Protein backbone atom coordinates (compact mmCIF):
# COMPACT_ATOMS: atom_id res chain seq x y z
CA MET A 1 -6.92 -9.42 -33.73
CA ASN A 2 -5.25 -12.60 -32.46
CA ILE A 3 -5.88 -14.21 -29.09
CA ILE A 4 -2.58 -12.96 -27.57
CA LYS A 5 -3.47 -9.33 -28.28
CA ILE A 6 -6.97 -9.85 -26.88
CA LEU A 7 -5.57 -11.36 -23.67
CA SER A 8 -3.08 -8.49 -23.43
CA LYS A 9 -5.91 -5.93 -23.62
CA ILE A 10 -7.89 -7.84 -20.99
CA TYR A 11 -4.85 -7.86 -18.68
CA ALA A 12 -4.37 -4.10 -19.15
CA SER A 13 -8.07 -3.51 -18.43
CA LEU A 14 -7.91 -5.53 -15.21
CA SER A 15 -4.89 -3.50 -14.10
CA PHE A 16 -6.82 -0.28 -14.79
CA ILE A 17 -9.87 -1.52 -12.82
CA GLU A 18 -7.71 -2.48 -9.84
CA ARG A 19 -6.01 0.91 -9.84
CA LYS A 20 -9.29 2.82 -10.06
CA PHE A 21 -10.79 0.69 -7.30
CA PHE A 22 -8.15 1.80 -4.80
CA GLU A 23 -8.36 5.40 -6.01
CA THR A 24 -12.14 5.35 -5.44
CA PHE A 25 -12.02 3.60 -2.06
CA SER A 26 -9.06 5.53 -0.66
CA PHE A 27 -9.90 4.50 2.91
CA LEU A 28 -8.36 1.11 2.03
CA SER A 29 -4.97 2.82 1.76
CA TYR A 30 -2.67 3.97 4.56
CA ARG A 31 -0.78 7.26 4.40
CA PRO A 32 2.35 6.86 6.56
CA LYS A 33 3.91 9.79 8.35
CA ALA A 34 7.19 8.83 6.68
CA LYS A 35 8.03 9.77 3.11
CA VAL A 36 7.50 6.78 0.82
CA ILE A 37 9.94 6.00 -2.00
CA SER A 38 9.01 3.20 -4.42
CA ILE A 39 11.62 1.38 -6.50
CA GLY A 40 9.79 -0.70 -9.08
CA ASN A 41 9.19 -1.42 -12.73
CA LEU A 42 6.53 -2.13 -15.31
CA SER A 43 8.05 -5.39 -16.48
CA MET A 44 7.97 -8.89 -15.02
CA GLY A 45 11.22 -8.67 -13.03
CA GLY A 46 14.82 -8.75 -14.17
CA THR A 47 15.55 -5.00 -14.34
CA GLY A 48 18.15 -4.78 -11.55
CA LYS A 49 16.15 -3.35 -8.63
CA THR A 50 18.22 -4.91 -5.86
CA PRO A 51 21.59 -3.22 -6.61
CA VAL A 52 19.80 0.12 -7.15
CA LEU A 53 18.14 -0.22 -3.74
CA PHE A 54 21.48 -1.10 -2.14
CA GLU A 55 23.26 1.87 -3.68
CA LEU A 56 20.48 4.24 -2.63
CA LEU A 57 20.63 2.96 0.96
CA LYS A 58 24.42 3.32 0.93
CA GLU A 59 24.14 6.93 -0.27
CA PHE A 60 21.52 7.76 2.35
CA LYS A 61 23.80 6.28 5.02
CA GLU A 62 26.77 8.34 3.81
CA ASN A 63 24.96 11.63 3.10
CA ARG A 64 22.02 11.59 5.53
CA PRO A 65 23.05 9.44 8.50
CA ASP A 66 20.38 11.20 10.57
CA LEU A 67 17.56 9.67 8.52
CA LYS A 68 15.78 6.64 9.92
CA ILE A 69 14.88 4.27 7.08
CA ALA A 70 12.75 1.13 6.84
CA VAL A 71 12.45 -1.16 3.82
CA LEU A 72 9.24 -2.99 2.95
CA THR A 73 9.56 -6.02 0.68
CA ARG A 74 6.91 -8.49 -0.42
CA GLY A 75 8.85 -11.67 0.26
CA TYR A 76 7.83 -13.26 -3.02
CA ARG A 77 7.19 -17.03 -2.66
CA CYS A 78 8.71 -17.22 0.83
CA PRO A 79 6.79 -18.72 3.80
CA TRP A 80 6.17 -15.24 5.28
CA GLU A 81 4.78 -13.63 2.11
CA LYS A 82 1.19 -13.93 3.39
CA SER A 83 2.08 -13.08 6.98
CA PHE A 84 4.95 -10.96 8.35
CA TYR A 85 8.63 -11.20 9.25
CA GLU A 86 11.07 -8.61 10.57
CA LEU A 87 14.82 -8.56 9.97
CA TYR A 88 16.79 -6.18 12.17
CA GLY A 89 20.21 -6.36 13.78
CA ASN A 90 23.00 -8.90 13.51
CA LYS A 91 21.34 -12.25 14.03
CA GLU A 92 20.55 -15.41 12.10
CA HIS A 93 17.43 -15.58 9.95
CA PRO A 94 15.79 -18.50 8.13
CA PHE A 95 17.21 -19.32 4.69
CA GLU A 96 13.64 -19.64 3.42
CA LEU A 97 13.40 -15.83 3.36
CA THR A 98 13.95 -14.11 0.02
CA ASP A 99 17.45 -13.39 -1.22
CA GLU A 100 16.73 -9.63 -1.24
CA ALA A 101 15.65 -9.60 2.43
CA LEU A 102 18.66 -11.64 3.58
CA MET A 103 21.11 -9.54 1.55
CA LEU A 104 19.61 -6.30 2.86
CA ASN A 105 19.95 -7.44 6.45
CA LYS A 106 23.51 -8.64 5.89
CA ARG A 107 24.61 -5.36 4.27
CA PHE A 108 22.51 -2.99 6.40
CA PRO A 109 21.75 -4.67 9.75
CA ASN A 110 20.66 -1.36 11.32
CA ILE A 111 17.94 -0.78 8.73
CA PRO A 112 14.75 -2.74 9.50
CA VAL A 113 13.51 -4.92 6.65
CA LEU A 114 9.83 -5.82 6.95
CA VAL A 115 8.68 -8.79 4.88
CA GLY A 116 5.09 -9.39 3.82
CA LYS A 117 2.74 -9.01 0.87
CA ASN A 118 0.49 -6.73 2.95
CA ARG A 119 2.79 -3.71 3.04
CA HIS A 120 -0.05 -1.57 4.38
CA HIS A 121 0.14 -3.72 7.52
CA ALA A 122 3.96 -3.75 7.48
CA ALA A 123 4.09 0.06 7.27
CA ILE A 124 1.85 0.41 10.33
CA ILE A 125 4.03 -2.02 12.33
CA GLY A 126 7.20 -0.35 11.07
CA GLU A 127 6.06 3.12 12.11
CA GLY A 128 5.04 1.85 15.52
CA ARG A 129 8.35 0.08 16.15
CA PHE A 130 10.94 2.23 14.37
CA ASN A 131 9.33 5.62 13.60
CA PRO A 132 11.15 5.94 10.25
CA ASP A 133 11.59 9.17 8.32
CA VAL A 134 11.65 7.28 5.02
CA ILE A 135 9.99 4.06 3.93
CA ILE A 136 11.37 2.40 0.81
CA LEU A 137 9.09 0.03 -1.08
CA ASP A 138 11.00 -2.72 -2.86
CA ASP A 139 9.15 -3.54 -6.11
CA GLY A 140 6.36 -1.25 -4.98
CA PHE A 141 5.06 0.40 -8.15
CA GLN A 142 2.03 -1.91 -8.46
CA TYR A 143 1.23 -1.77 -4.74
CA ARG A 144 -1.90 0.38 -4.38
CA ARG A 145 -2.44 0.61 -0.63
CA LEU A 146 0.45 2.96 0.19
CA PRO A 147 0.56 6.39 -1.51
CA LYS A 148 4.07 7.17 -2.79
CA ASP A 149 5.98 10.44 -2.58
CA ILE A 150 8.64 9.35 -5.08
CA ASN A 151 8.18 6.74 -7.83
CA ILE A 152 11.38 5.36 -9.37
CA ILE A 153 10.78 3.06 -12.34
CA LEU A 154 13.52 0.90 -13.82
CA TRP A 155 13.66 0.08 -17.52
CA ASP A 156 16.14 -2.50 -18.79
CA ALA A 157 18.28 -1.27 -21.72
CA MET A 158 18.66 -4.92 -22.76
CA SER A 159 14.92 -5.28 -23.34
CA LYS A 160 13.70 -6.03 -26.84
CA PRO A 161 11.14 -3.66 -28.43
CA GLU A 162 8.53 -6.43 -28.68
CA GLU A 163 8.64 -6.86 -24.89
CA ALA A 164 7.11 -3.39 -24.40
CA ALA A 165 3.51 -4.66 -24.26
CA THR A 166 1.36 -6.00 -21.44
CA VAL A 167 1.49 -9.74 -20.83
CA PRO A 168 1.08 -12.14 -22.51
CA ALA A 169 1.98 -10.15 -25.65
CA GLY A 170 5.03 -8.68 -23.87
CA ARG A 171 6.57 -8.48 -20.40
CA LEU A 172 4.72 -5.51 -18.90
CA ARG A 173 2.54 -5.72 -15.81
CA GLU A 174 0.89 -2.39 -16.65
CA PRO A 175 0.36 -0.35 -19.83
CA ILE A 176 3.19 1.85 -21.13
CA GLU A 177 1.21 4.99 -20.24
CA ARG A 178 1.97 4.34 -16.58
CA LEU A 179 5.54 5.53 -17.17
CA LYS A 180 4.11 9.06 -16.89
CA VAL A 181 3.51 8.49 -13.16
CA ALA A 182 7.25 8.09 -12.53
CA ASP A 183 9.36 10.79 -10.92
CA TYR A 184 12.50 9.20 -12.39
CA ILE A 185 13.13 6.45 -14.94
CA LEU A 186 16.39 4.55 -14.57
CA LEU A 187 17.61 3.01 -17.81
CA THR A 188 19.56 0.09 -16.38
CA ARG A 189 22.34 -2.20 -17.69
CA CYS A 190 23.61 0.32 -20.23
CA GLU A 191 27.04 -1.33 -20.01
CA SER A 192 25.63 -4.52 -21.57
CA ALA A 193 23.47 -3.03 -24.33
CA PRO A 194 24.71 -1.77 -27.73
CA GLU A 195 24.85 2.03 -28.03
CA GLN A 196 22.24 1.95 -30.79
CA GLN A 197 19.84 0.11 -28.47
CA ILE A 198 20.45 2.56 -25.62
CA GLN A 199 19.68 5.47 -27.96
CA TYR A 200 16.53 3.69 -29.13
CA TRP A 201 15.23 3.31 -25.55
CA GLU A 202 16.19 6.88 -24.59
CA LYS A 203 14.19 8.25 -27.50
CA TRP A 204 11.31 5.83 -26.85
CA LEU A 205 11.10 6.69 -23.14
CA LYS A 206 11.10 10.42 -23.88
CA GLU A 207 8.25 9.90 -26.35
CA LYS A 208 6.19 7.83 -23.90
CA ALA A 209 6.94 9.96 -20.80
CA ALA A 210 8.10 13.31 -22.16
CA ASN A 211 8.61 15.19 -18.90
CA ILE A 212 10.14 12.41 -16.81
CA PRO A 213 13.94 12.51 -16.26
CA VAL A 214 15.74 9.45 -17.65
CA ILE A 215 18.91 8.48 -15.76
CA LYS A 216 21.20 6.06 -17.57
CA THR A 217 22.88 3.58 -15.23
CA GLN A 218 25.56 0.93 -15.46
CA THR A 219 26.24 -2.22 -13.51
CA VAL A 220 29.82 -2.27 -12.20
CA THR A 221 31.55 -5.38 -10.93
CA GLU A 222 33.13 -5.07 -7.51
CA GLY A 223 35.06 -8.30 -8.02
CA ILE A 224 34.95 -12.00 -7.23
CA PHE A 225 34.77 -13.06 -3.59
CA ASP A 226 34.51 -16.23 -1.57
CA TYR A 227 31.37 -16.95 0.41
CA ASN A 228 32.74 -15.18 3.52
CA GLY A 229 33.58 -11.96 1.66
CA ALA A 230 37.32 -12.35 1.00
CA GLN A 231 38.27 -11.16 -2.48
CA ARG A 232 39.67 -13.70 -4.91
CA SER A 233 42.09 -13.08 -7.76
CA SER A 234 40.46 -12.95 -11.19
CA SER A 235 43.10 -15.40 -12.45
CA GLU A 236 42.33 -17.95 -9.71
CA ASN A 237 40.44 -20.89 -11.27
CA ASN A 238 39.05 -18.64 -13.99
CA LYS A 239 37.38 -21.44 -15.95
CA VAL A 240 33.93 -21.53 -14.43
CA LEU A 241 30.53 -23.15 -14.32
CA ALA A 242 28.22 -20.17 -13.86
CA PHE A 243 24.82 -20.81 -12.27
CA SER A 244 22.05 -18.40 -11.38
CA ALA A 245 18.37 -17.96 -10.53
CA ILE A 246 17.83 -14.39 -11.71
CA GLY A 247 15.62 -12.63 -14.23
CA ARG A 248 18.20 -11.91 -16.94
CA PRO A 249 21.32 -14.11 -16.62
CA GLU A 250 22.86 -12.57 -19.77
CA SER A 251 24.08 -9.62 -17.70
CA PHE A 252 25.66 -12.00 -15.19
CA TYR A 253 27.65 -13.69 -17.96
CA ALA A 254 28.82 -10.35 -19.38
CA GLN A 255 29.96 -9.26 -15.92
CA LEU A 256 31.88 -12.50 -15.38
CA GLU A 257 33.67 -12.11 -18.71
CA ALA A 258 34.55 -8.52 -17.78
CA CYS A 259 36.25 -9.94 -14.67
CA GLY A 260 38.35 -12.32 -16.78
CA CYS A 261 36.30 -15.47 -16.21
CA LYS A 262 36.02 -18.06 -18.97
CA ILE A 263 32.51 -19.48 -18.88
CA GLU A 264 32.80 -23.14 -19.85
CA ALA A 265 29.32 -24.18 -18.66
CA LYS A 266 26.06 -22.53 -17.60
CA LYS A 267 23.11 -23.59 -15.49
CA GLU A 268 20.02 -21.39 -15.27
CA PHE A 269 17.20 -21.77 -12.78
CA ARG A 270 13.90 -19.95 -12.55
CA ASP A 271 14.04 -16.49 -10.95
CA HIS A 272 13.88 -16.77 -7.11
CA HIS A 273 14.53 -20.54 -7.27
CA ARG A 274 15.57 -22.08 -3.95
CA PHE A 275 18.52 -24.40 -4.45
CA SER A 276 18.00 -27.89 -3.09
CA ASP A 277 20.84 -30.12 -1.90
CA LYS A 278 20.25 -32.16 -5.05
CA ASP A 279 20.65 -29.08 -7.26
CA LEU A 280 23.93 -28.16 -5.61
CA SER A 281 25.28 -31.71 -5.56
CA GLU A 282 24.63 -32.02 -9.30
CA LEU A 283 26.37 -28.71 -9.92
CA LEU A 284 29.38 -29.84 -7.87
CA LYS A 285 29.56 -33.14 -9.74
CA GLU A 286 29.51 -31.40 -13.14
CA ALA A 287 32.13 -28.86 -12.02
CA GLN A 288 34.45 -31.60 -10.76
CA GLU A 289 34.04 -33.66 -13.94
CA LYS A 290 34.92 -30.65 -16.11
CA ASN A 291 37.54 -29.23 -13.70
CA LEU A 292 35.67 -25.96 -13.33
CA SER A 293 35.07 -23.52 -10.46
CA LEU A 294 31.50 -22.83 -9.38
CA ILE A 295 30.41 -19.22 -9.36
CA CYS A 296 27.07 -17.46 -8.83
CA THR A 297 25.62 -14.03 -8.06
CA GLU A 298 25.59 -12.60 -4.55
CA LYS A 299 21.81 -12.78 -4.72
CA ASP A 300 22.01 -16.54 -5.28
CA ALA A 301 24.82 -17.17 -2.80
CA ILE A 302 22.80 -15.79 0.11
CA LYS A 303 20.38 -18.74 -0.31
CA ILE A 304 23.16 -21.33 0.10
CA LYS A 305 24.10 -22.50 3.60
CA PRO A 306 27.71 -21.86 4.72
CA ASP A 307 28.67 -25.54 5.04
CA MET A 308 27.43 -26.27 1.51
CA ALA A 309 29.16 -23.16 0.13
CA GLU A 310 32.43 -24.39 1.65
CA LYS A 311 31.92 -27.81 0.11
CA LEU A 312 31.34 -26.20 -3.29
CA ASN A 313 34.35 -23.86 -2.82
CA LEU A 314 31.90 -21.30 -4.09
CA SER A 315 32.93 -18.04 -5.74
CA VAL A 316 30.57 -15.07 -5.70
CA LEU A 317 30.33 -12.15 -8.12
CA ARG A 318 29.51 -8.83 -6.47
CA ILE A 319 28.03 -5.94 -8.44
CA LYS A 320 26.72 -2.45 -7.87
CA THR A 321 24.65 -0.07 -10.02
CA LEU A 322 25.72 3.53 -10.55
CA PRO A 323 24.61 6.43 -12.78
CA LEU A 324 26.52 6.41 -16.07
CA SER A 325 27.28 10.11 -15.55
CA GLY A 326 29.62 9.32 -12.64
CA LYS A 327 27.39 11.24 -10.21
CA LYS A 328 25.61 9.81 -7.18
CA PHE A 329 21.95 8.83 -7.38
CA LEU A 330 21.08 11.52 -4.84
CA GLU A 331 22.75 14.11 -7.09
CA GLU A 332 20.99 12.89 -10.23
CA ALA A 333 17.64 12.54 -8.51
CA SER A 334 17.70 15.61 -6.31
CA ARG A 335 13.98 15.43 -5.46
CA ILE A 336 14.64 12.33 -3.36
CA ILE A 337 16.29 14.46 -0.65
């Protein structure tokens, strides 16, 4: 057995010990009065959680406007990750917050977004301040201190078979067997994966988690917009320099091409990267030299200040994730309501 496989087994064992620790010492967990829905994954990011969360919130707003909802998000690598920050209402918030938190507040200002690694603490504050009926955990599958009523796990259809192992052998944060804990598995990005690969993952998921419903989803482009939300024509400056700081930029490129963009240059940053003025100035210089338009994801654009976005004449790709069946998520996953 090589060293990578040994390390992978050690990682899986540590995950098991952590899980059993919190099961044994249950007093360390907090059971909210609200129903808790977790949207998460087994892999190290890049499965498309954010657009799924947005679509679910949109459907709740349309179908159950009476429900009071709060979202808990870790705030990965932001200054408030180890403390606490609340986003609520239409007001300015620091750009140092995570892209997910800022986007959530911009799209859903009347839904409180509570930032902090200690979501046990955030849930207590959230219940005291907002008395929600539903708490949604963003990337919450590995969080042990809040029992979940519904576990939604995302699995990327663009994943390679060799990635289905715990790190460092693969990309998984927990062993494959944990799929059996899910209430629903969303097979994401089916629009970008070959049909043969989608069939492979469908069969594989049913073998690993036989009784768990698998919902195939697709990422749909809403169009290309300017920074302020005005839609731009797909033929307007369609030769682009595409830049991003997301888990799997391949999907971003496929979505741009579907919108009629010609990708002449690419620049990829680490997931959750915070763009410095130097980063953006270098991108602008390259775009001007090659006579290209700058375009990024909505998730990346939210981290760029308005004056800089105007200077860049920035274009933004907007996407949403929907079930491949054409139904709503709340129809496909009826247990949620």
